[in-house]
Amino acid sequence: MMAKRLRNWIVGKPVKMSIGARINVLINVMIGIGFILSAISGVYFLFLPQGMMALSELDNAGQFLFTPNTWDVIHTWSSIIMILAAMAHFIIHWGWIEKVTKGFFRFQPKDRVPIKR
């Protein structure tokens, strides 16, 4: 059911979703885009160490598509947006997290017989 809705939404067909569901999709998209941008810019600084040197020297020696300063700004702000969106996602789904955690860590003494419900 959810896959059909997603497919219809991607191709532009009208999809009935509540405002909460739309907000959840927007937050999930923000997390995904933030992760991708942060990962790409992180790989730039990982494999092109001259990019970090260029940041301190303020020249364009490590330039690849953008200047090292631009890569740094992309990395910083995409990470901040991803973290804020993840926090919002965590807050929105707190009830579910609490319910699952309580069920998972329910204490049952060994000498007590579990009650069948």
Protein backbone atom coordinates (compact mmCIF):
# COMPACT_ATOMS: atom_id res chain seq x y z
CA MET A 1 0.00 0.00 0.00
CA MET A 2 2.74 2.47 0.96
CA ALA A 3 4.80 1.59 -2.13
CA LYS A 4 1.81 2.36 -4.38
CA ARG A 5 1.31 5.74 -2.68
CA LEU A 6 4.98 6.57 -3.03
CA ARG A 7 5.00 5.55 -6.70
CA ASN A 8 1.90 7.67 -7.39
CA TRP A 9 3.40 10.63 -5.52
CA ILE A 10 6.65 10.41 -7.52
CA VAL A 11 4.88 10.32 -10.89
CA GLY A 12 2.68 13.24 -9.89
CA LYS A 13 -0.68 11.53 -9.35
CA PRO A 14 -2.79 12.95 -6.53
CA VAL A 15 -2.16 11.12 -3.27
CA LYS A 16 -4.29 11.39 -0.15
CA MET A 17 -1.95 12.00 2.76
CA SER A 18 -2.59 13.74 6.03
CA ILE A 19 -0.61 16.85 6.93
CA GLY A 20 1.33 14.78 9.48
CA ALA A 21 2.31 12.26 6.81
CA ARG A 22 3.41 15.06 4.47
CA ILE A 23 5.54 16.61 7.22
CA ASN A 24 7.06 13.20 7.95
CA VAL A 25 7.95 12.73 4.26
CA LEU A 26 9.49 16.22 4.15
CA ILE A 27 11.60 15.49 7.25
CA ASN A 28 12.72 12.15 5.81
CA VAL A 29 13.72 13.84 2.54
CA MET A 30 15.69 16.48 4.50
CA ILE A 31 17.51 13.72 6.38
CA GLY A 32 18.32 11.92 3.13
CA ILE A 33 19.55 14.99 1.24
CA GLY A 34 21.52 16.18 4.26
CA PHE A 35 23.20 12.79 4.56
CA ILE A 36 24.09 12.62 0.87
CA LEU A 37 25.57 16.14 0.79
CA SER A 38 27.45 15.59 4.04
CA ALA A 39 28.82 12.26 2.81
CA ILE A 40 29.94 13.63 -0.55
CA SER A 41 31.67 16.62 1.01
CA GLY A 42 33.19 14.37 3.67
CA VAL A 43 34.62 12.09 0.99
CA TYR A 44 36.10 15.18 -0.67
CA PHE A 45 37.98 16.09 2.51
CA LEU A 46 38.92 12.45 3.16
CA PHE A 47 40.47 11.71 -0.22
CA LEU A 48 41.70 15.17 -1.11
CA PRO A 49 43.70 16.26 1.92
CA GLN A 50 45.06 19.18 -0.06
CA GLY A 51 41.51 20.53 0.23
CA MET A 52 42.01 21.00 3.96
CA MET A 53 45.41 22.57 3.35
CA ALA A 54 43.82 24.96 0.89
CA LEU A 55 41.30 25.97 3.54
CA SER A 56 44.07 27.18 5.78
CA GLU A 57 46.06 28.78 2.96
CA LEU A 58 42.98 30.32 1.28
CA ASP A 59 44.00 29.35 -2.22
CA ASN A 60 42.38 27.10 -4.82
CA ALA A 61 45.00 24.33 -4.86
CA GLY A 62 42.52 21.61 -3.85
CA GLN A 63 39.63 22.77 -6.00
CA PHE A 64 37.29 20.09 -7.35
CA LEU A 65 33.98 21.46 -8.68
CA PHE A 66 33.89 24.03 -5.85
CA THR A 67 36.48 25.81 -3.78
CA PRO A 68 37.50 24.10 -0.51
CA ASN A 69 35.72 26.85 1.43
CA THR A 70 32.48 26.07 -0.42
CA TRP A 71 32.89 22.35 0.30
CA ASP A 72 33.38 23.21 3.97
CA VAL A 73 30.19 25.29 4.06
CA ILE A 74 28.25 22.52 2.27
CA HIS A 75 29.56 19.94 4.74
CA THR A 76 28.80 22.05 7.80
CA TRP A 77 25.28 23.16 6.88
CA SER A 78 24.14 19.85 5.41
CA SER A 79 25.25 18.14 8.63
CA ILE A 80 23.41 20.70 10.77
CA ILE A 81 20.22 20.32 8.73
CA MET A 82 20.48 16.52 8.87
CA ILE A 83 20.91 16.54 12.66
CA LEU A 84 17.99 18.94 13.21
CA ALA A 85 15.75 16.89 10.91
CA ALA A 86 16.77 13.68 12.70
CA MET A 87 15.92 15.28 16.04
CA ALA A 88 12.50 16.33 14.69
CA HIS A 89 11.97 12.78 13.38
CA PHE A 90 12.88 11.37 16.79
CA ILE A 91 10.47 13.75 18.56
CA ILE A 92 7.59 13.01 16.18
CA HIS A 93 7.97 9.25 16.65
CA TRP A 94 8.65 9.37 20.41
CA GLY A 95 5.40 7.53 21.27
CA TRP A 96 6.33 4.60 19.05
CA ILE A 97 9.90 4.53 20.42
CA GLU A 98 8.60 4.49 24.00
CA LYS A 99 6.08 1.71 23.26
CA VAL A 100 8.61 -0.55 21.52
CA THR A 101 11.29 0.06 24.16
CA LYS A 102 8.93 -0.78 27.03
CA GLY A 103 7.86 -3.97 25.29
CA PHE A 104 11.44 -4.96 24.54
CA PHE A 105 12.79 -4.39 28.04
CA ARG A 106 9.80 -5.74 29.99
CA PHE A 107 11.16 -7.44 33.11
CA GLN A 108 10.02 -11.00 33.79
CA PRO A 109 11.45 -12.76 36.89
CA LYS A 110 12.67 -16.29 36.16
CA ASP A 111 10.49 -17.98 38.81
CA ARG A 112 7.32 -16.31 37.59
CA VAL A 113 5.19 -17.86 34.88
CA PRO A 114 4.33 -15.39 32.11
CA ILE A 115 0.65 -14.50 31.80
CA LYS A 116 -0.91 -15.44 28.48
CA ARG A 117 -3.14 -12.72 27.11
